[in-house]
Amino acid sequence: MEINDVDYLHSTQIRSVERSAMASACERLIFEDAATTLDFFLAAFGVTFLGLSIIFGFVFNIMWHFNAEEARESIEEECNLKEAEIVEIRKQRVIPLEKKK
């Protein structure tokens, strides 16, 4: 009977150690899965942020280009109007001088 009790105690201790080892292994797996999942989400967020930054950079660059183009066109129109006014003023000044001669 003593041998059976010792065997039972020994097998119970082995099972307890096995359960403890299994529990710690499961905990490690859970933490590793959580860390892997967190790494995945951080990487996905980083890639998404980078992608959005690139897209918005292109969009703002294009918008800036068109705004600069529109500004250049409006400045050219203003310059043309001013040149036309200057030409008209010069014509008005030249005509009276020619009439006097």
PDB file of N, CA and C in Angstrom:
ATOM      1  N   MET A   1       0.806  -1.191   0.000  1.00  0.00           N
ATOM      2  CA  MET A   1       0.000   0.000   0.000  1.00  0.00           C
ATOM      3  C   MET A   1       0.851   1.257   0.000  1.00  0.00           C
ATOM      4  N   GLU A   2       1.941   1.169   0.671  1.00  0.00           N
ATOM      5  CA  GLU A   2       2.791   2.338   0.717  1.00  0.00           C
ATOM      6  C   GLU A   2       3.362   2.656  -0.657  1.00  0.00           C
ATOM      7  N   ILE A   3       3.658   1.648  -1.383  1.00  0.00           N
ATOM      8  CA  ILE A   3       4.203   1.869  -2.723  1.00  0.00           C
ATOM      9  C   ILE A   3       3.158   2.551  -3.592  1.00  0.00           C
ATOM     10  N   ASN A   4       1.916   2.109  -3.495  1.00  0.00           N
ATOM     11  CA  ASN A   4       0.856   2.733  -4.274  1.00  0.00           C
ATOM     12  C   ASN A   4       0.645   4.177  -3.853  1.00  0.00           C
ATOM     13  N   ASP A   5       0.713   4.429  -2.551  1.00  0.00           N
ATOM     14  CA  ASP A   5       0.560   5.807  -2.077  1.00  0.00           C
ATOM     15  C   ASP A   5       1.686   6.691  -2.597  1.00  0.00           C
ATOM     16  N   VAL A   6       2.900   6.154  -2.581  1.00  0.00           N
ATOM     17  CA  VAL A   6       4.049   6.915  -3.086  1.00  0.00           C
ATOM     18  C   VAL A   6       3.905   7.133  -4.585  1.00  0.00           C
ATOM     19  N   ASP A   7       3.490   6.084  -5.280  1.00  0.00           N
ATOM     20  CA  ASP A   7       3.272   6.230  -6.724  1.00  0.00           C
ATOM     21  C   ASP A   7       2.178   7.253  -7.008  1.00  0.00           C
ATOM     22  N   TYR A   8       1.116   7.189  -6.223  1.00  0.00           N
ATOM     23  CA  TYR A   8       0.012   8.142  -6.410  1.00  0.00           C
ATOM     24  C   TYR A   8       0.492   9.558  -6.131  1.00  0.00           C
ATOM     25  N   LEU A   9       1.213   9.738  -5.035  1.00  0.00           N
ATOM     26  CA  LEU A   9       1.738  11.054  -4.684  1.00  0.00           C
ATOM     27  C   LEU A   9       2.700  11.543  -5.763  1.00  0.00           C
ATOM     28  N   HIS A  10       3.553  10.673  -6.222  1.00  0.00           N
ATOM     29  CA  HIS A  10       4.515  11.021  -7.260  1.00  0.00           C
ATOM     30  C   HIS A  10       3.792  11.400  -8.556  1.00  0.00           C
ATOM     31  N   SER A  11       2.791  10.611  -8.944  1.00  0.00           N
ATOM     32  CA  SER A  11       2.047  10.923 -10.168  1.00  0.00           C
ATOM     33  C   SER A  11       1.243  12.205 -10.006  1.00  0.00           C
ATOM     34  N   THR A  12       0.741  12.464  -8.804  1.00  0.00           N
ATOM     35  CA  THR A  12       0.014  13.713  -8.555  1.00  0.00           C
ATOM     36  C   THR A  12       0.961  14.901  -8.666  1.00  0.00           C
ATOM     37  N   GLN A  13       2.148  14.767  -8.132  1.00  0.00           N
ATOM     38  CA  GLN A  13       3.134  15.842  -8.233  1.00  0.00           C
ATOM     39  C   GLN A  13       3.537  16.073  -9.691  1.00  0.00           C
ATOM     40  N   ILE A  14       3.702  14.995 -10.406  1.00  0.00           N
ATOM     41  CA  ILE A  14       4.051  15.117 -11.831  1.00  0.00           C
ATOM     42  C   ILE A  14       2.937  15.837 -12.576  1.00  0.00           C
ATOM     43  N   ARG A  15       1.688  15.442 -12.313  1.00  0.00           N
ATOM     44  CA  ARG A  15       0.555  16.108 -12.969  1.00  0.00           C
ATOM     45  C   ARG A  15       0.498  17.584 -12.585  1.00  0.00           C
ATOM     46  N   SER A  16       0.771  17.884 -11.319  1.00  0.00           N
ATOM     47  CA  SER A  16       0.759  19.274 -10.866  1.00  0.00           C
ATOM     48  C   SER A  16       1.832  20.084 -11.586  1.00  0.00           C
ATOM     49  N   VAL A  17       3.014  19.508 -11.696  1.00  0.00           N
ATOM     50  CA  VAL A  17       4.097  20.187 -12.411  1.00  0.00           C
ATOM     51  C   VAL A  17       3.738  20.341 -13.881  1.00  0.00           C
ATOM     52  N   GLU A  18       3.148  19.297 -14.463  1.00  0.00           N
ATOM     53  CA  GLU A  18       2.739  19.374 -15.872  1.00  0.00           C
ATOM     54  C   GLU A  18       1.694  20.465 -16.063  1.00  0.00           C
ATOM     55  N   ARG A  19       0.714  20.518 -15.152  1.00  0.00           N
ATOM     56  CA  ARG A  19      -0.323  21.556 -15.255  1.00  0.00           C
ATOM     57  C   ARG A  19       0.289  22.947 -15.119  1.00  0.00           C
ATOM     58  N   SER A  20       1.201  23.084 -14.172  1.00  0.00           N
ATOM     59  CA  SER A  20       1.869  24.370 -13.976  1.00  0.00           C
ATOM     60  C   SER A  20       2.661  24.759 -15.224  1.00  0.00           C
ATOM     61  N   ALA A  21       3.357  23.792 -15.779  1.00  0.00           N
ATOM     62  CA  ALA A  21       4.127  24.054 -17.003  1.00  0.00           C
ATOM     63  C   ALA A  21       3.200  24.402 -18.154  1.00  0.00           C
ATOM     64  N   MET A  22       2.093  23.687 -18.253  1.00  0.00           N
ATOM     65  CA  MET A  22       1.118  23.978 -19.313  1.00  0.00           C
ATOM     66  C   MET A  22       0.528  25.370 -19.124  1.00  0.00           C
ATOM     67  N   ALA A  23       0.214  25.717 -17.875  1.00  0.00           N
ATOM     68  CA  ALA A  23      -0.364  27.033 -17.604  1.00  0.00           C
ATOM     69  C   ALA A  23       0.622  28.137 -17.961  1.00  0.00           C
ATOM     70  N   SER A  24       1.882  27.965 -17.571  1.00  0.00           N
ATOM     71  CA  SER A  24       2.856  29.007 -17.897  1.00  0.00           C
ATOM     72  C   SER A  24       3.108  29.061 -19.402  1.00  0.00           C
ATOM     73  N   ALA A  25       3.089  27.902 -20.057  1.00  0.00           N
ATOM     74  CA  ALA A  25       3.247  27.891 -21.517  1.00  0.00           C
ATOM     75  C   ALA A  25       2.075  28.599 -22.179  1.00  0.00           C
ATOM     76  N   CYS A  26       0.868  28.352 -21.667  1.00  0.00           N
ATOM     77  CA  CYS A  26      -0.311  29.023 -22.225  1.00  0.00           C
ATOM     78  C   CYS A  26      -0.232  30.529 -21.996  1.00  0.00           C
ATOM     79  N   GLU A  27       0.220  30.919 -20.798  1.00  0.00           N
ATOM     80  CA  GLU A  27       0.372  32.349 -20.524  1.00  0.00           C
ATOM     81  C   GLU A  27       1.377  32.977 -21.478  1.00  0.00           C
ATOM     82  N   ARG A  28       2.489  32.294 -21.694  1.00  0.00           N
ATOM     83  CA  ARG A  28       3.489  32.817 -22.626  1.00  0.00           C
ATOM     84  C   ARG A  28       2.917  32.930 -24.030  1.00  0.00           C
ATOM     85  N   LEU A  29       2.161  31.915 -24.439  1.00  0.00           N
ATOM     86  CA  LEU A  29       1.546  31.974 -25.769  1.00  0.00           C
ATOM     87  C   LEU A  29       0.571  33.130 -25.870  1.00  0.00           C
ATOM     88  N   ILE A  30      -0.220  33.323 -24.819  1.00  0.00           N
ATOM     89  CA  ILE A  30      -1.189  34.425 -24.833  1.00  0.00           C
ATOM     90  C   ILE A  30      -0.456  35.758 -24.939  1.00  0.00           C
ATOM     91  N   PHE A  31       0.594  35.931 -24.114  1.00  0.00           N
ATOM     92  CA  PHE A  31       1.341  37.185 -24.167  1.00  0.00           C
ATOM     93  C   PHE A  31       2.057  37.352 -25.497  1.00  0.00           C
ATOM     94  N   GLU A  32       2.590  36.266 -26.038  1.00  0.00           N
ATOM     95  CA  GLU A  32       3.251  36.353 -27.342  1.00  0.00           C
ATOM     96  C   GLU A  32       2.240  36.683 -28.430  1.00  0.00           C
ATOM     97  N   ASP A  33       1.050  36.065 -28.357  1.00  0.00           N
ATOM     98  CA  ASP A  33       0.003  36.389 -29.329  1.00  0.00           C
ATOM     99  C   ASP A  33      -0.419  37.840 -29.198  1.00  0.00           C
ATOM    100  N   ALA A  34      -0.557  38.293 -27.949  1.00  0.00           N
ATOM    101  CA  ALA A  34      -0.937  39.692 -27.737  1.00  0.00           C
ATOM    102  C   ALA A  34       0.145  40.622 -28.269  1.00  0.00           C
ATOM    103  N   ALA A  35       1.397  40.282 -28.006  1.00  0.00           N
ATOM    104  CA  ALA A  35       2.495  41.114 -28.500  1.00  0.00           C
ATOM    105  C   ALA A  35       2.543  41.088 -30.021  1.00  0.00           C
ATOM    106  N   THR A  36       2.336  39.907 -30.597  1.00  0.00           N
ATOM    107  CA  THR A  36       2.327  39.798 -32.057  1.00  0.00           C
ATOM    108  C   THR A  36       1.164  40.590 -32.638  1.00  0.00           C
ATOM    109  N   THR A  37       0.000  40.483 -32.008  1.00  0.00           N
ATOM    110  CA  THR A  37      -1.166  41.239 -32.472  1.00  0.00           C
ATOM    111  C   THR A  37      -0.917  42.731 -32.340  1.00  0.00           C
ATOM    112  N   LEU A  38      -0.343  43.136 -31.205  1.00  0.00           N
ATOM    113  CA  LEU A  38      -0.026  44.548 -31.012  1.00  0.00           C
ATOM    114  C   LEU A  38       0.989  45.012 -32.050  1.00  0.00           C
ATOM    115  N   ASP A  39       2.012  44.209 -32.292  1.00  0.00           N
ATOM    116  CA  ASP A  39       2.991  44.552 -33.327  1.00  0.00           C
ATOM    117  C   ASP A  39       2.326  44.678 -34.688  1.00  0.00           C
ATOM    118  N   PHE A  40       1.416  43.758 -34.968  1.00  0.00           N
ATOM    119  CA  PHE A  40       0.711  43.799 -36.249  1.00  0.00           C
ATOM    120  C   PHE A  40      -0.096  45.085 -36.376  1.00  0.00           C
ATOM    121  N   PHE A  41      -0.854  45.429 -35.315  1.00  0.00           N
ATOM    122  CA  PHE A  41      -1.671  46.640 -35.381  1.00  0.00           C
ATOM    123  C   PHE A  41      -0.809  47.895 -35.445  1.00  0.00           C
ATOM    124  N   LEU A  42       0.291  47.897 -34.699  1.00  0.00           N
ATOM    125  CA  LEU A  42       1.185  49.050 -34.775  1.00  0.00           C
ATOM    126  C   LEU A  42       1.801  49.174 -36.164  1.00  0.00           C
ATOM    127  N   ALA A  43       2.191  48.049 -36.730  1.00  0.00           N
ATOM    128  CA  ALA A  43       2.751  48.077 -38.087  1.00  0.00           C
ATOM    129  C   ALA A  43       1.691  48.512 -39.092  1.00  0.00           C
ATOM    130  N   ALA A  44       0.480  47.976 -38.941  1.00  0.00           N
ATOM    131  CA  ALA A  44      -0.599  48.361 -39.857  1.00  0.00           C
ATOM    132  C   ALA A  44      -0.907  49.843 -39.715  1.00  0.00           C
ATOM    133  N   PHE A  45      -0.935  50.329 -38.476  1.00  0.00           N
ATOM    134  CA  PHE A  45      -1.179  51.757 -38.257  1.00  0.00           C
ATOM    135  C   PHE A  45      -0.060  52.588 -38.869  1.00  0.00           C
ATOM    136  N   GLY A  46       1.181  52.139 -38.678  1.00  0.00           N
ATOM    137  CA  GLY A  46       2.311  52.867 -39.247  1.00  0.00           C
ATOM    138  C   GLY A  46       2.259  52.905 -40.760  1.00  0.00           C
ATOM    139  N   VAL A  47       1.957  51.771 -41.367  1.00  0.00           N
ATOM    140  CA  VAL A  47       1.860  51.715 -42.829  1.00  0.00           C
ATOM    141  C   VAL A  47       0.691  52.567 -43.307  1.00  0.00           C
ATOM    142  N   THR A  48      -0.428  52.484 -42.598  1.00  0.00           N
ATOM    143  CA  THR A  48      -1.590  53.296 -42.973  1.00  0.00           C
ATOM    144  C   THR A  48      -1.261  54.773 -42.845  1.00  0.00           C
ATOM    145  N   PHE A  49      -0.626  55.150 -41.743  1.00  0.00           N
ATOM    146  CA  PHE A  49      -0.264  56.550 -41.539  1.00  0.00           C
ATOM    147  C   PHE A  49       0.703  57.017 -42.614  1.00  0.00           C
ATOM    148  N   LEU A  50       1.669  56.171 -42.933  1.00  0.00           N
ATOM    149  CA  LEU A  50       2.626  56.513 -43.980  1.00  0.00           C
ATOM    150  C   LEU A  50       1.922  56.655 -45.323  1.00  0.00           C
ATOM    151  N   GLY A  51       1.032  55.702 -45.623  1.00  0.00           N
ATOM    152  CA  GLY A  51       0.285  55.770 -46.882  1.00  0.00           C
ATOM    153  C   GLY A  51      -0.572  57.015 -46.967  1.00  0.00           C
ATOM    154  N   LEU A  52      -1.268  57.329 -45.878  1.00  0.00           N
ATOM    155  CA  LEU A  52      -2.099  58.535 -45.870  1.00  0.00           C
ATOM    156  C   LEU A  52      -1.242  59.786 -45.989  1.00  0.00           C
ATOM    157  N   SER A  53      -0.089  59.776 -45.351  1.00  0.00           N
ATOM    158  CA  SER A  53       0.810  60.927 -45.460  1.00  0.00           C
ATOM    159  C   SER A  53       1.251  61.135 -46.905  1.00  0.00           C
ATOM    160  N   ILE A  54       1.585  60.045 -47.569  1.00  0.00           N
ATOM    161  CA  ILE A  54       2.005  60.149 -48.969  1.00  0.00           C
ATOM    162  C   ILE A  54       0.852  60.638 -49.835  1.00  0.00           C
ATOM    163  N   ILE A  55      -0.333  60.069 -49.627  1.00  0.00           N
ATOM    164  CA  ILE A  55      -1.496  60.471 -50.428  1.00  0.00           C
ATOM    165  C   ILE A  55      -1.819  61.938 -50.196  1.00  0.00           C
ATOM    166  N   PHE A  56      -1.888  62.352 -48.908  1.00  0.00           N
ATOM    167  CA  PHE A  56      -2.191  63.753 -48.626  1.00  0.00           C
ATOM    168  C   PHE A  56      -1.083  64.664 -49.132  1.00  0.00           C
ATOM    169  N   GLY A  57       0.147  64.190 -49.083  1.00  0.00           N
ATOM    170  CA  GLY A  57       1.241  64.983 -49.629  1.00  0.00           C
ATOM    171  C   GLY A  57       1.064  65.232 -51.116  1.00  0.00           C
ATOM    172  N   PHE A  58       0.709  64.186 -51.856  1.00  0.00           N
ATOM    173  CA  PHE A  58       0.454  64.358 -53.288  1.00  0.00           C
ATOM    174  C   PHE A  58      -0.738  65.272 -53.536  1.00  0.00           C
ATOM    175  N   VAL A  59      -1.801  65.079 -52.758  1.00  0.00           N
ATOM    176  CA  VAL A  59      -3.001  65.905 -52.942  1.00  0.00           C
ATOM    177  C   VAL A  59      -2.677  67.366 -52.666  1.00  0.00           C
ATOM    178  N   PHE A  60      -1.997  67.645 -51.556  1.00  0.00           N
ATOM    179  CA  PHE A  60      -1.666  69.034 -51.235  1.00  0.00           C
ATOM    180  C   PHE A  60      -0.691  69.614 -52.245  1.00  0.00           C
ATOM    181  N   ASN A  61       0.216  68.792 -52.745  1.00  0.00           N
ATOM    182  CA  ASN A  61       1.148  69.268 -53.759  1.00  0.00           C
ATOM    183  C   ASN A  61       0.400  69.644 -55.034  1.00  0.00           C
ATOM    184  N   ILE A  62      -0.534  68.804 -55.431  1.00  0.00           N
ATOM    185  CA  ILE A  62      -1.329  69.097 -56.629  1.00  0.00           C
ATOM    186  C   ILE A  62      -2.178  70.343 -56.411  1.00  0.00           C
ATOM    187  N   MET A  63      -2.809  70.425 -55.221  1.00  0.00           N
ATOM    188  CA  MET A  63      -3.621  71.611 -54.927  1.00  0.00           C
ATOM    189  C   MET A  63      -2.759  72.866 -54.936  1.00  0.00           C
ATOM    190  N   TRP A  64      -1.569  72.787 -54.335  1.00  0.00           N
ATOM    191  CA  TRP A  64      -0.677  73.934 -54.299  1.00  0.00           C
ATOM    192  C   TRP A  64      -0.262  74.319 -55.715  1.00  0.00           C
ATOM    193  N   HIS A  65       0.000  73.302 -56.544  1.00  0.00           N
ATOM    194  CA  HIS A  65       0.399  73.573 -57.924  1.00  0.00           C
ATOM    195  C   HIS A  65      -0.711  74.312 -58.666  1.00  0.00           C
ATOM    196  N   PHE A  66      -1.960  73.829 -58.519  1.00  0.00           N
ATOM    197  CA  PHE A  66      -3.062  74.488 -59.213  1.00  0.00           C
ATOM    198  C   PHE A  66      -3.329  75.876 -58.643  1.00  0.00           C
ATOM    199  N   ASN A  67      -3.197  76.035 -57.322  1.00  0.00           N
ATOM    200  CA  ASN A  67      -3.364  77.364 -56.737  1.00  0.00           C
ATOM    201  C   ASN A  67      -2.282  78.305 -57.238  1.00  0.00           C
ATOM    202  N   ALA A  68      -1.060  77.808 -57.341  1.00  0.00           N
ATOM    203  CA  ALA A  68       0.028  78.633 -57.857  1.00  0.00           C
ATOM    204  C   ALA A  68      -0.223  78.977 -59.323  1.00  0.00           C
ATOM    205  N   GLU A  69      -0.746  78.014 -60.070  1.00  0.00           N
ATOM    206  CA  GLU A  69      -1.057  78.261 -61.487  1.00  0.00           C
ATOM    207  C   GLU A  69      -2.157  79.319 -61.617  1.00  0.00           C
ATOM    208  N   GLU A  70      -3.194  79.201 -60.794  1.00  0.00           N
ATOM    209  CA  GLU A  70      -4.274  80.190 -60.819  1.00  0.00           C
ATOM    210  C   GLU A  70      -3.759  81.563 -60.406  1.00  0.00           C
ATOM    211  N   ALA A  71      -2.906  81.593 -59.389  1.00  0.00           N
ATOM    212  CA  ALA A  71      -2.344  82.871 -58.946  1.00  0.00           C
ATOM    213  C   ALA A  71      -1.498  83.483 -60.053  1.00  0.00           C
ATOM    214  N   ARG A  72      -0.711  82.663 -60.737  1.00  0.00           N
ATOM    215  CA  ARG A  72       0.113  83.166 -61.833  1.00  0.00           C
ATOM    216  C   ARG A  72      -0.758  83.725 -62.951  1.00  0.00           C
ATOM    217  N   GLU A  73      -1.833  83.012 -63.273  1.00  0.00           N
ATOM    218  CA  GLU A  73      -2.739  83.481 -64.322  1.00  0.00           C
ATOM    219  C   GLU A  73      -3.410  84.789 -63.923  1.00  0.00           C
ATOM    220  N   SER A  74      -3.840  84.900 -62.668  1.00  0.00           N
ATOM    221  CA  SER A  74      -4.493  86.145 -62.243  1.00  0.00           C
ATOM    222  C   SER A  74      -3.493  87.296 -62.232  1.00  0.00           C
ATOM    223  N   ILE A  75      -2.244  87.030 -61.855  1.00  0.00           N
ATOM    224  CA  ILE A  75      -1.222  88.079 -61.883  1.00  0.00           C
ATOM    225  C   ILE A  75      -0.944  88.493 -63.322  1.00  0.00           C
ATOM    226  N   GLU A  76      -0.890  87.523 -64.230  1.00  0.00           N
ATOM    227  CA  GLU A  76      -0.688  87.856 -65.645  1.00  0.00           C
ATOM    228  C   GLU A  76      -1.844  88.701 -66.171  1.00  0.00           C
ATOM    229  N   GLU A  77      -3.074  88.362 -65.787  1.00  0.00           N
ATOM    230  CA  GLU A  77      -4.229  89.150 -66.222  1.00  0.00           C
ATOM    231  C   GLU A  77      -4.144  90.577 -65.690  1.00  0.00           C
ATOM    232  N   GLU A  78      -3.763  90.716 -64.417  1.00  0.00           N
ATOM    233  CA  GLU A  78      -3.614  92.055 -63.845  1.00  0.00           C
ATOM    234  C   GLU A  78      -2.522  92.830 -64.565  1.00  0.00           C
ATOM    235  N   CYS A  79      -1.417  92.169 -64.854  1.00  0.00           N
ATOM    236  CA  CYS A  79      -0.327  92.838 -65.576  1.00  0.00           C
ATOM    237  C   CYS A  79      -0.780  93.273 -66.965  1.00  0.00           C
ATOM    238  N   ASN A  80      -1.527  92.409 -67.643  1.00  0.00           N
ATOM    239  CA  ASN A  80      -2.025  92.767 -68.975  1.00  0.00           C
ATOM    240  C   ASN A  80      -2.979  93.955 -68.898  1.00  0.00           C
ATOM    241  N   LEU A  81      -3.844  93.974 -67.876  1.00  0.00           N
ATOM    242  CA  LEU A  81      -4.750  95.115 -67.711  1.00  0.00           C
ATOM    243  C   LEU A  81      -3.972  96.390 -67.422  1.00  0.00           C
ATOM    244  N   LYS A  82      -2.975  96.305 -66.568  1.00  0.00           N
ATOM    245  CA  LYS A  82      -2.161  97.487 -66.250  1.00  0.00           C
ATOM    246  C   LYS A  82      -1.408  97.958 -67.492  1.00  0.00           C
ATOM    247  N   GLU A  83      -0.881  97.025 -68.267  1.00  0.00           N
ATOM    248  CA  GLU A  83      -0.185  97.403 -69.498  1.00  0.00           C
ATOM    249  C   GLU A  83      -1.143  98.073 -70.471  1.00  0.00           C
ATOM    250  N   ALA A  84      -2.364  97.557 -70.556  1.00  0.00           N
ATOM    251  CA  ALA A  84      -3.358  98.179 -71.436  1.00  0.00           C
ATOM    252  C   ALA A  84      -3.690  99.586 -70.952  1.00  0.00           C
ATOM    253  N   GLU A  85      -3.811  99.773 -69.645  1.00  0.00           N
ATOM    254  CA  GLU A  85      -4.070 101.113 -69.104  1.00  0.00           C
ATOM    255  C   GLU A  85      -2.906 102.050 -69.407  1.00  0.00           C
ATOM    256  N   ILE A  86      -1.688 101.545 -69.250  1.00  0.00           N
ATOM    257  CA  ILE A  86      -0.507 102.368 -69.526  1.00  0.00           C
ATOM    258  C   ILE A  86      -0.468 102.758 -70.998  1.00  0.00           C
ATOM    259  N   VAL A  87      -0.776 101.826 -71.875  1.00  0.00           N
ATOM    260  CA  VAL A  87      -0.796 102.117 -73.315  1.00  0.00           C
ATOM    261  C   VAL A  87      -1.861 103.170 -73.616  1.00  0.00           C
ATOM    262  N   GLU A  88      -3.039 103.065 -73.000  1.00  0.00           N
ATOM    263  CA  GLU A  88      -4.103 104.058 -73.214  1.00  0.00           C
ATOM    264  C   GLU A  88      -3.673 105.433 -72.719  1.00  0.00           C
ATOM    265  N   ILE A  89      -3.041 105.462 -71.547  1.00  0.00           N
ATOM    266  CA  ILE A  89      -2.575 106.751 -71.011  1.00  0.00           C
ATOM    267  C   ILE A  89      -1.519 107.346 -71.934  1.00  0.00           C
ATOM    268  N   ARG A  90      -0.622 106.543 -72.449  1.00  0.00           N
ATOM    269  CA  ARG A  90       0.407 107.042 -73.364  1.00  0.00           C
ATOM    270  C   ARG A  90      -0.215 107.543 -74.662  1.00  0.00           C
ATOM    271  N   LYS A  91      -1.234 106.826 -75.144  1.00  0.00           N
ATOM    272  CA  LYS A  91      -1.912 107.272 -76.372  1.00  0.00           C
ATOM    273  C   LYS A  91      -2.570 108.620 -76.147  1.00  0.00           C
ATOM    274  N   GLN A  92      -3.186 108.779 -74.966  1.00  0.00           N
ATOM    275  CA  GLN A  92      -3.838 110.060 -74.671  1.00  0.00           C
ATOM    276  C   GLN A  92      -2.809 111.184 -74.576  1.00  0.00           C
ATOM    277  N   ARG A  93      -1.653 110.909 -74.094  1.00  0.00           N
ATOM    278  CA  ARG A  93      -0.619 111.937 -73.974  1.00  0.00           C
ATOM    279  C   ARG A  93       0.031 112.230 -75.326  1.00  0.00           C
ATOM    280  N   VAL A  94       0.182 111.224 -76.143  1.00  0.00           N
ATOM    281  CA  VAL A  94       0.855 111.401 -77.431  1.00  0.00           C
ATOM    282  C   VAL A  94      -0.033 112.162 -78.402  1.00  0.00           C
ATOM    283  N   ILE A  95      -1.308 111.893 -78.416  1.00  0.00           N
ATOM    284  CA  ILE A  95      -2.221 112.531 -79.376  1.00  0.00           C
ATOM    285  C   ILE A  95      -2.245 114.050 -79.201  1.00  0.00           C
ATOM    286  N   PRO A  96      -2.400 114.563 -77.998  1.00  0.00           N
ATOM    287  CA  PRO A  96      -2.377 116.030 -77.892  1.00  0.00           C
ATOM    288  C   PRO A  96      -1.048 116.640 -78.331  1.00  0.00           C
ATOM    289  N   LEU A  97       0.046 115.971 -78.104  1.00  0.00           N
ATOM    290  CA  LEU A  97       1.329 116.502 -78.536  1.00  0.00           C
ATOM    291  C   LEU A  97       1.409 116.563 -80.053  1.00  0.00           C
ATOM    292  N   GLU A  98       0.861 115.584 -80.726  1.00  0.00           N
ATOM    293  CA  GLU A  98       0.889 115.582 -82.183  1.00  0.00           C
ATOM    294  C   GLU A  98      -0.041 116.656 -82.732  1.00  0.00           C
ATOM    295  N   LYS A  99      -1.131 116.917 -82.064  1.00  0.00           N
ATOM    296  CA  LYS A  99      -2.065 117.943 -82.526  1.00  0.00           C
ATOM    297  C   LYS A  99      -1.457 119.333 -82.391  1.00  0.00           C
ATOM    298  N   LYS A 100      -0.625 119.522 -81.377  1.00  0.00           N
ATOM    299  CA  LYS A 100      -0.002 120.824 -81.179  1.00  0.00           C
ATOM    300  C   LYS A 100       1.006 121.122 -82.276  1.00  0.00           C
ATOM    301  N   LYS A 101       1.649 120.133 -82.808  1.00  0.00           N
ATOM    302  CA  LYS A 101       2.670 120.357 -83.823  1.00  0.00           C
ATOM    303  C   LYS A 101       2.002 120.661 -85.101  1.00  0.00           C
TER     304      LYS A 101
END
